PDB file of N, CA and C in Angstrom:
ATOM      1  N   MET A   1       0.852  -1.154  -0.021  1.00  0.00           N
ATOM      2  CA  MET A   1       0.074   0.162   0.084  1.00  0.00           C
ATOM      3  C   MET A   1       0.838   1.212   0.010  1.00  0.00           C
ATOM      4  N   LYS A   2       0.556   2.196  -0.714  1.00  0.00           N
ATOM      5  CA  LYS A   2       1.226   3.338  -0.782  1.00  0.00           C
ATOM      6  C   LYS A   2       0.472   4.540  -0.192  1.00  0.00           C
ATOM      7  N   ALA A   3       1.062   5.515   0.609  1.00  0.00           N
ATOM      8  CA  ALA A   3       0.412   6.570   1.210  1.00  0.00           C
ATOM      9  C   ALA A   3       1.247   7.746   1.185  1.00  0.00           C
ATOM     10  N   ILE A   4       0.631   8.839   1.146  1.00  0.00           N
ATOM     11  CA  ILE A   4       1.331  10.311   1.131  1.00  0.00           C
ATOM     12  C   ILE A   4       1.026  10.751   2.504  1.00  0.00           C
ATOM     13  N   ILE A   5       2.075  10.982   3.409  1.00  0.00           N
ATOM     14  CA  ILE A   5       1.805  11.524   4.752  1.00  0.00           C
ATOM     15  C   ILE A   5       2.599  12.796   5.080  1.00  0.00           C
ATOM     16  N   ASP A   6       2.091  13.524   5.938  1.00  0.00           N
ATOM     17  CA  ASP A   6       2.993  14.774   6.229  1.00  0.00           C
ATOM     18  C   ASP A   6       3.675  14.354   7.575  1.00  0.00           C
ATOM     19  N   ILE A   7       5.005  14.504   7.522  1.00  0.00           N
ATOM     20  CA  ILE A   7       5.694  14.379   8.743  1.00  0.00           C
ATOM     21  C   ILE A   7       6.491  15.529   9.152  1.00  0.00           C
ATOM     22  N   PRO A   8       6.464  15.851  10.395  1.00  0.00           N
ATOM     23  CA  PRO A   8       7.202  16.982  10.882  1.00  0.00           C
ATOM     24  C   PRO A   8       8.644  16.911  10.834  1.00  0.00           C
ATOM     25  N   LYS A   9       9.422  17.881  10.575  1.00  0.00           N
ATOM     26  CA  LYS A   9      10.833  17.937  10.296  1.00  0.00           C
ATOM     27  C   LYS A   9      11.463  17.306  11.387  1.00  0.00           C
ATOM     28  N   ASP A  10      11.160  17.248  12.692  1.00  0.00           N
ATOM     29  CA  ASP A  10      11.974  16.674  13.776  1.00  0.00           C
ATOM     30  C   ASP A  10      11.727  15.183  13.667  1.00  0.00           C
ATOM     31  N   VAL A  11      10.563  14.838  13.334  1.00  0.00           N
ATOM     32  CA  VAL A  11      10.212  13.242  13.215  1.00  0.00           C
ATOM     33  C   VAL A  11      10.901  12.675  11.943  1.00  0.00           C
ATOM     34  N   ASN A  12      10.857  13.370  10.973  1.00  0.00           N
ATOM     35  CA  ASN A  12      11.592  13.087   9.702  1.00  0.00           C
ATOM     36  C   ASN A  12      13.164  12.735  10.079  1.00  0.00           C
ATOM     37  N   GLY A  13      13.569  13.738  10.781  1.00  0.00           N
ATOM     38  CA  GLY A  13      15.020  13.582  11.169  1.00  0.00           C
ATOM     39  C   GLY A  13      15.318  12.244  12.138  1.00  0.00           C
ATOM     40  N   THR A  14      14.312  12.114  13.011  1.00  0.00           N
ATOM     41  CA  THR A  14      14.469  10.862  13.721  1.00  0.00           C
ATOM     42  C   THR A  14      14.221   9.673  12.935  1.00  0.00           C
ATOM     43  N   LEU A  15      13.402   9.670  11.952  1.00  0.00           N
ATOM     44  CA  LEU A  15      13.266   8.435  11.093  1.00  0.00           C
ATOM     45  C   LEU A  15      14.561   8.324  10.282  1.00  0.00           C
ATOM     46  N   GLY A  16      15.158   9.369   9.858  1.00  0.00           N
ATOM     47  CA  GLY A  16      16.432   9.172   9.141  1.00  0.00           C
ATOM     48  C   GLY A  16      17.542   8.538  10.120  1.00  0.00           C
ATOM     49  N   ILE A  17      17.478   8.970  11.314  1.00  0.00           N
ATOM     50  CA  ILE A  17      18.547   8.204  12.149  1.00  0.00           C
ATOM     51  C   ILE A  17      18.248   6.769  12.501  1.00  0.00           C
ATOM     52  N   ILE A  18      17.007   6.595  12.777  1.00  0.00           N
ATOM     53  CA  ILE A  18      16.580   5.050  12.807  1.00  0.00           C
ATOM     54  C   ILE A  18      16.902   4.246  11.586  1.00  0.00           C
ATOM     55  N   LYS A  19      16.666   5.022  10.473  1.00  0.00           N
ATOM     56  CA  LYS A  19      16.996   4.217   9.156  1.00  0.00           C
ATOM     57  C   LYS A  19      18.423   4.052   9.057  1.00  0.00           C
ATOM     58  N   ILE A  20      19.328   4.878   9.341  1.00  0.00           N
ATOM     59  CA  ILE A  20      20.706   4.512   9.319  1.00  0.00           C
ATOM     60  C   ILE A  20      21.202   3.563  10.356  1.00  0.00           C
ATOM     61  N   GLN A  21      20.743   3.723  11.594  1.00  0.00           N
ATOM     62  CA  GLN A  21      21.092   2.803  12.716  1.00  0.00           C
ATOM     63  C   GLN A  21      20.805   1.390  12.282  1.00  0.00           C
ATOM     64  N   ASN A  22      19.734   1.207  11.744  1.00  0.00           N
ATOM     65  CA  ASN A  22      19.237  -0.232  11.477  1.00  0.00           C
ATOM     66  C   ASN A  22      19.429  -0.644  10.013  1.00  0.00           C
ATOM     67  N   ASP A  23      20.070  -0.004   9.142  1.00  0.00           N
ATOM     68  CA  ASP A  23      20.369  -0.292   7.795  1.00  0.00           C
ATOM     69  C   ASP A  23      19.129  -0.526   6.951  1.00  0.00           C
ATOM     70  N   PHE A  24      18.065   0.160   7.278  1.00  0.00           N
ATOM     71  CA  PHE A  24      16.915   0.024   6.396  1.00  0.00           C
ATOM     72  C   PHE A  24      17.014   0.743   5.046  1.00  0.00           C
ATOM     73  N   LYS A  25      16.393   0.284   4.124  1.00  0.00           N
ATOM     74  CA  LYS A  25      16.607   0.496   2.652  1.00  0.00           C
ATOM     75  C   LYS A  25      15.941   1.991   2.478  1.00  0.00           C
ATOM     76  N   ASN A  26      14.898   2.318   3.117  1.00  0.00           N
ATOM     77  CA  ASN A  26      14.124   3.579   3.062  1.00  0.00           C
ATOM     78  C   ASN A  26      13.281   3.822   4.197  1.00  0.00           C
ATOM     79  N   LYS A  27      12.659   5.054   4.213  1.00  0.00           N
ATOM     80  CA  LYS A  27      11.989   5.469   5.357  1.00  0.00           C
ATOM     81  C   LYS A  27      10.632   4.511   5.486  1.00  0.00           C
ATOM     82  N   SER A  28      10.143   4.162   4.486  1.00  0.00           N
ATOM     83  CA  SER A  28       8.793   3.293   4.470  1.00  0.00           C
ATOM     84  C   SER A  28       9.245   1.954   5.231  1.00  0.00           C
ATOM     85  N   GLU A  29      10.307   1.429   5.090  1.00  0.00           N
ATOM     86  CA  GLU A  29      10.766   0.287   5.830  1.00  0.00           C
ATOM     87  C   GLU A  29      11.086   0.584   7.298  1.00  0.00           C
ATOM     88  N   THR A  30      11.504   1.853   7.580  1.00  0.00           N
ATOM     89  CA  THR A  30      11.668   2.322   8.940  1.00  0.00           C
ATOM     90  C   THR A  30      10.483   2.532   9.578  1.00  0.00           C
ATOM     91  N   ILE A  31       9.413   3.100   8.960  1.00  0.00           N
ATOM     92  CA  ILE A  31       8.153   3.305   9.528  1.00  0.00           C
ATOM     93  C   ILE A  31       7.402   1.892   9.877  1.00  0.00           C
ATOM     94  N   SER A  32       7.648   0.972   9.002  1.00  0.00           N
ATOM     95  CA  SER A  32       7.042  -0.253   9.173  1.00  0.00           C
ATOM     96  C   SER A  32       7.614  -0.949  10.467  1.00  0.00           C
ATOM     97  N   ALA A  33       8.947  -0.903  10.638  1.00  0.00           N
ATOM     98  CA  ALA A  33       9.698  -1.495  11.757  1.00  0.00           C
ATOM     99  C   ALA A  33       9.181  -0.869  13.109  1.00  0.00           C
ATOM    100  N   ILE A  34       9.031   0.477  12.947  1.00  0.00           N
ATOM    101  CA  ILE A  34       8.488   1.222  14.140  1.00  0.00           C
ATOM    102  C   ILE A  34       7.063   0.805  14.634  1.00  0.00           C
ATOM    103  N   VAL A  35       6.312   0.498  13.600  1.00  0.00           N
ATOM    104  CA  VAL A  35       4.883   0.135  13.848  1.00  0.00           C
ATOM    105  C   VAL A  35       4.836  -1.355  14.514  1.00  0.00           C
ATOM    106  N   ARG A  36       5.738  -2.011  13.880  1.00  0.00           N
ATOM    107  CA  ARG A  36       5.750  -3.469  14.284  1.00  0.00           C
ATOM    108  C   ARG A  36       6.386  -3.588  15.924  1.00  0.00           C
ATOM    109  N   VAL A  37       7.207  -2.696  16.225  1.00  0.00           N
ATOM    110  CA  VAL A  37       7.678  -2.663  17.560  1.00  0.00           C
ATOM    111  C   VAL A  37       6.578  -2.070  18.506  1.00  0.00           C
ATOM    112  N   TYR A  38       5.843  -1.076  18.049  1.00  0.00           N
ATOM    113  CA  TYR A  38       4.698  -0.629  18.896  1.00  0.00           C
ATOM    114  C   TYR A  38       3.566  -1.737  19.059  1.00  0.00           C
ATOM    115  N   GLU A  39       3.414  -2.401  17.898  1.00  0.00           N
ATOM    116  CA  GLU A  39       2.320  -3.568  17.930  1.00  0.00           C
ATOM    117  C   GLU A  39       2.870  -4.544  19.015  1.00  0.00           C
ATOM    118  N   SER A  40       3.970  -5.113  18.921  1.00  0.00           N
ATOM    119  CA  SER A  40       4.533  -6.022  19.818  1.00  0.00           C
ATOM    120  C   SER A  40       4.467  -5.678  21.287  1.00  0.00           C
ATOM    121  N   LEU A  41       4.753  -4.364  21.481  1.00  0.00           N
ATOM    122  CA  LEU A  41       4.658  -3.800  22.796  1.00  0.00           C
ATOM    123  C   LEU A  41       3.435  -3.565  23.491  1.00  0.00           C
ATOM    124  N   PHE A  42       2.537  -3.029  22.592  1.00  0.00           N
ATOM    125  CA  PHE A  42       1.227  -2.523  23.232  1.00  0.00           C
ATOM    126  C   PHE A  42      -0.034  -3.162  22.670  1.00  0.00           C
ATOM    127  N   LEU A  43       0.130  -3.825  21.465  1.00  0.00           N
ATOM    128  CA  LEU A  43      -1.193  -4.501  21.084  1.00  0.00           C
ATOM    129  C   LEU A  43      -1.139  -6.112  21.148  1.00  0.00           C
ATOM    130  N   ASP A  44      -0.138  -6.853  20.945  1.00  0.00           N
ATOM    131  CA  ASP A  44      -0.136  -8.169  21.074  1.00  0.00           C
ATOM    132  C   ASP A  44      -0.819  -8.619  22.471  1.00  0.00           C
ATOM    133  N   ASN A  45      -0.415  -8.084  23.411  1.00  0.00           N
ATOM    134  CA  ASN A  45      -0.932  -8.420  24.905  1.00  0.00           C
ATOM    135  C   ASN A  45      -2.373  -8.113  25.017  1.00  0.00           C
ATOM    136  N   ALA A  46      -2.882  -7.032  24.407  1.00  0.00           N
ATOM    137  CA  ALA A  46      -4.166  -6.637  24.483  1.00  0.00           C
ATOM    138  C   ALA A  46      -5.194  -7.493  23.813  1.00  0.00           C
ATOM    139  N   PHE A  47      -4.659  -8.307  22.790  1.00  0.00           N
ATOM    140  CA  PHE A  47      -5.760  -9.152  22.014  1.00  0.00           C
ATOM    141  C   PHE A  47      -5.485 -10.638  22.435  1.00  0.00           C
ATOM    142  N   ASN A  48      -5.274 -10.907  23.754  1.00  0.00           N
ATOM    143  CA  ASN A  48      -5.278 -12.289  24.014  1.00  0.00           C
ATOM    144  C   ASN A  48      -6.610 -12.896  24.240  1.00  0.00           C
ATOM    145  N   LYS A  49      -6.692 -14.214  24.368  1.00  0.00           N
ATOM    146  CA  LYS A  49      -8.069 -14.784  24.536  1.00  0.00           C
ATOM    147  C   LYS A  49      -8.973 -14.164  25.537  1.00  0.00           C
ATOM    148  N   ASP A  50      -8.367 -14.012  26.818  1.00  0.00           N
ATOM    149  CA  ASP A  50      -9.288 -13.428  27.808  1.00  0.00           C
ATOM    150  C   ASP A  50      -9.843 -12.074  27.528  1.00  0.00           C
ATOM    151  N   PHE A  51      -9.043 -11.257  26.775  1.00  0.00           N
ATOM    152  CA  PHE A  51      -9.316 -10.030  26.327  1.00  0.00           C
ATOM    153  C   PHE A  51     -10.503 -10.012  25.439  1.00  0.00           C
ATOM    154  N   VAL A  52     -10.251 -10.925  24.354  1.00  0.00           N
ATOM    155  CA  VAL A  52     -11.364 -10.957  23.266  1.00  0.00           C
ATOM    156  C   VAL A  52     -12.565 -11.539  23.894  1.00  0.00           C
ATOM    157  N   ASN A  53     -12.527 -12.390  24.817  1.00  0.00           N
ATOM    158  CA  ASN A  53     -13.955 -12.984  25.420  1.00  0.00           C
ATOM    159  C   ASN A  53     -14.569 -11.814  26.200  1.00  0.00           C
ATOM    160  N   LYS A  54     -13.827 -11.036  26.871  1.00  0.00           N
ATOM    161  CA  LYS A  54     -14.297  -9.943  27.718  1.00  0.00           C
ATOM    162  C   LYS A  54     -15.171  -9.111  26.724  1.00  0.00           C
ATOM    163  N   ILE A  55     -14.405  -8.700  25.707  1.00  0.00           N
ATOM    164  CA  ILE A  55     -15.115  -7.643  24.753  1.00  0.00           C
ATOM    165  C   ILE A  55     -16.306  -8.265  24.219  1.00  0.00           C
ATOM    166  N   LEU A  56     -16.348  -9.650  23.706  1.00  0.00           N
ATOM    167  CA  LEU A  56     -17.550 -10.221  23.241  1.00  0.00           C
ATOM    168  C   LEU A  56     -18.571 -10.222  24.314  1.00  0.00           C
ATOM    169  N   LYS A  57     -18.267 -10.493  25.570  1.00  0.00           N
ATOM    170  CA  LYS A  57     -19.309 -10.608  26.572  1.00  0.00           C
ATOM    171  C   LYS A  57     -19.953  -9.203  26.759  1.00  0.00           C
ATOM    172  N   ILE A  58     -19.151  -8.191  26.645  1.00  0.00           N
ATOM    173  CA  ILE A  58     -19.509  -6.878  27.024  1.00  0.00           C
ATOM    174  C   ILE A  58     -20.382  -6.419  25.824  1.00  0.00           C
ATOM    175  N   SER A  59     -20.088  -6.687  24.527  1.00  0.00           N
ATOM    176  CA  SER A  59     -20.756  -6.375  23.376  1.00  0.00           C
ATOM    177  C   SER A  59     -22.129  -7.011  23.270  1.00  0.00           C
ATOM    178  N   LYS A  60     -22.209  -8.283  23.767  1.00  0.00           N
ATOM    179  CA  LYS A  60     -23.457  -9.133  23.643  1.00  0.00           C
ATOM    180  C   LYS A  60     -24.475  -8.466  24.737  1.00  0.00           C
ATOM    181  N   SER A  61     -23.976  -7.936  25.798  1.00  0.00           N
ATOM    182  CA  SER A  61     -24.895  -7.460  26.753  1.00  0.00           C
ATOM    183  C   SER A  61     -25.614  -6.059  26.281  1.00  0.00           C
ATOM    184  N   ASN A  62     -25.090  -5.448  25.324  1.00  0.00           N
ATOM    185  CA  ASN A  62     -25.565  -4.229  24.896  1.00  0.00           C
ATOM    186  C   ASN A  62     -25.913  -3.202  25.899  1.00  0.00           C
ATOM    187  N   SER A  63     -25.571  -3.393  27.273  1.00  0.00           N
ATOM    188  CA  SER A  63     -25.866  -2.470  28.354  1.00  0.00           C
ATOM    189  C   SER A  63     -24.820  -1.327  28.309  1.00  0.00           C
ATOM    190  N   LYS A  64     -23.758  -1.509  27.714  1.00  0.00           N
ATOM    191  CA  LYS A  64     -22.780  -0.628  27.866  1.00  0.00           C
ATOM    192  C   LYS A  64     -22.393   0.034  26.581  1.00  0.00           C
ATOM    193  N   LYS A  65     -22.220   1.233  26.583  1.00  0.00           N
ATOM    194  CA  LYS A  65     -21.959   1.954  25.255  1.00  0.00           C
ATOM    195  C   LYS A  65     -20.478   2.500  25.539  1.00  0.00           C
ATOM    196  N   PHE A  66     -19.647   2.449  24.282  1.00  0.00           N
ATOM    197  CA  PHE A  66     -18.288   2.751  24.466  1.00  0.00           C
ATOM    198  C   PHE A  66     -18.067   4.127  23.859  1.00  0.00           C
ATOM    199  N   SER A  67     -17.139   4.749  24.591  1.00  0.00           N
ATOM    200  CA  SER A  67     -16.784   6.180  24.205  1.00  0.00           C
ATOM    201  C   SER A  67     -15.407   6.426  24.537  1.00  0.00           C
ATOM    202  N   PHE A  68     -14.427   6.159  23.706  1.00  0.00           N
ATOM    203  CA  PHE A  68     -13.010   6.327  24.191  1.00  0.00           C
ATOM    204  C   PHE A  68     -12.433   7.448  23.382  1.00  0.00           C
ATOM    205  N   LYS A  69     -11.776   8.382  23.987  1.00  0.00           N
ATOM    206  CA  LYS A  69     -11.160   9.421  23.521  1.00  0.00           C
ATOM    207  C   LYS A  69      -9.612   9.029  23.090  1.00  0.00           C
ATOM    208  N   ASN A  70      -9.150   8.283  23.886  1.00  0.00           N
ATOM    209  CA  ASN A  70      -7.722   7.780  23.573  1.00  0.00           C
ATOM    210  C   ASN A  70      -7.437   6.264  24.155  1.00  0.00           C
ATOM    211  N   ILE A  71      -6.296   5.822  23.856  1.00  0.00           N
ATOM    212  CA  ILE A  71      -6.038   4.537  24.225  1.00  0.00           C
ATOM    213  C   ILE A  71      -5.917   4.320  25.723  1.00  0.00           C
ATOM    214  N   LYS A  72      -5.568   5.312  26.549  1.00  0.00           N
ATOM    215  CA  LYS A  72      -5.532   5.255  27.908  1.00  0.00           C
ATOM    216  C   LYS A  72      -6.955   4.875  28.548  1.00  0.00           C
ATOM    217  N   ASP A  73      -7.916   5.703  27.996  1.00  0.00           N
ATOM    218  CA  ASP A  73      -9.260   5.508  28.459  1.00  0.00           C
ATOM    219  C   ASP A  73      -9.859   4.081  27.947  1.00  0.00           C
ATOM    220  N   PHE A  74      -9.380   3.576  26.759  1.00  0.00           N
ATOM    221  CA  PHE A  74      -9.735   2.219  26.483  1.00  0.00           C
ATOM    222  C   PHE A  74      -9.190   1.214  27.380  1.00  0.00           C
ATOM    223  N   GLU A  75      -7.900   1.366  27.681  1.00  0.00           N
ATOM    224  CA  GLU A  75      -7.230   0.445  28.560  1.00  0.00           C
ATOM    225  C   GLU A  75      -7.869   0.427  29.899  1.00  0.00           C
ATOM    226  N   LYS A  76      -8.196   1.765  30.488  1.00  0.00           N
ATOM    227  CA  LYS A  76      -8.748   1.674  31.850  1.00  0.00           C
ATOM    228  C   LYS A  76     -10.156   0.925  31.882  1.00  0.00           C
ATOM    229  N   GLU A  77     -10.867   1.037  30.821  1.00  0.00           N
ATOM    230  CA  GLU A  77     -12.220   0.438  30.700  1.00  0.00           C
ATOM    231  C   GLU A  77     -12.107  -1.059  30.830  1.00  0.00           C
ATOM    232  N   PHE A  78     -11.036  -1.669  30.311  1.00  0.00           N
ATOM    233  CA  PHE A  78     -11.033  -3.013  30.214  1.00  0.00           C
ATOM    234  C   PHE A  78      -9.911  -3.710  31.290  1.00  0.00           C
ATOM    235  N   GLU A  79      -9.454  -2.788  32.104  1.00  0.00           N
ATOM    236  CA  GLU A  79      -8.705  -3.361  33.225  1.00  0.00           C
ATOM    237  C   GLU A  79      -9.714  -3.680  34.329  1.00  0.00           C
ATOM    238  N   LYS A  80     -10.988  -3.210  34.290  1.00  0.00           N
ATOM    239  CA  LYS A  80     -12.118  -3.647  35.425  1.00  0.00           C
ATOM    240  C   LYS A  80     -12.226  -5.071  35.376  1.00  0.00           C
TER     241      LYS A  80
END
């Protein structure tokens, strides 16, 4: 997939450093690697079997409406 994105200059500089440090071919490969790291640190654990079952149980009850402004609100809701 191809995308055109606006990246602030400081973030672009950081991407360049990460690209060089890890010998990536281009910034697209660099961004993909960063997203994979984020996924492994923050998303993999969130989608374990217990988590999915809890979400399914809540969604079936229809008694609760979800309104999350950010990931921290989402995490707080499902820590209960």
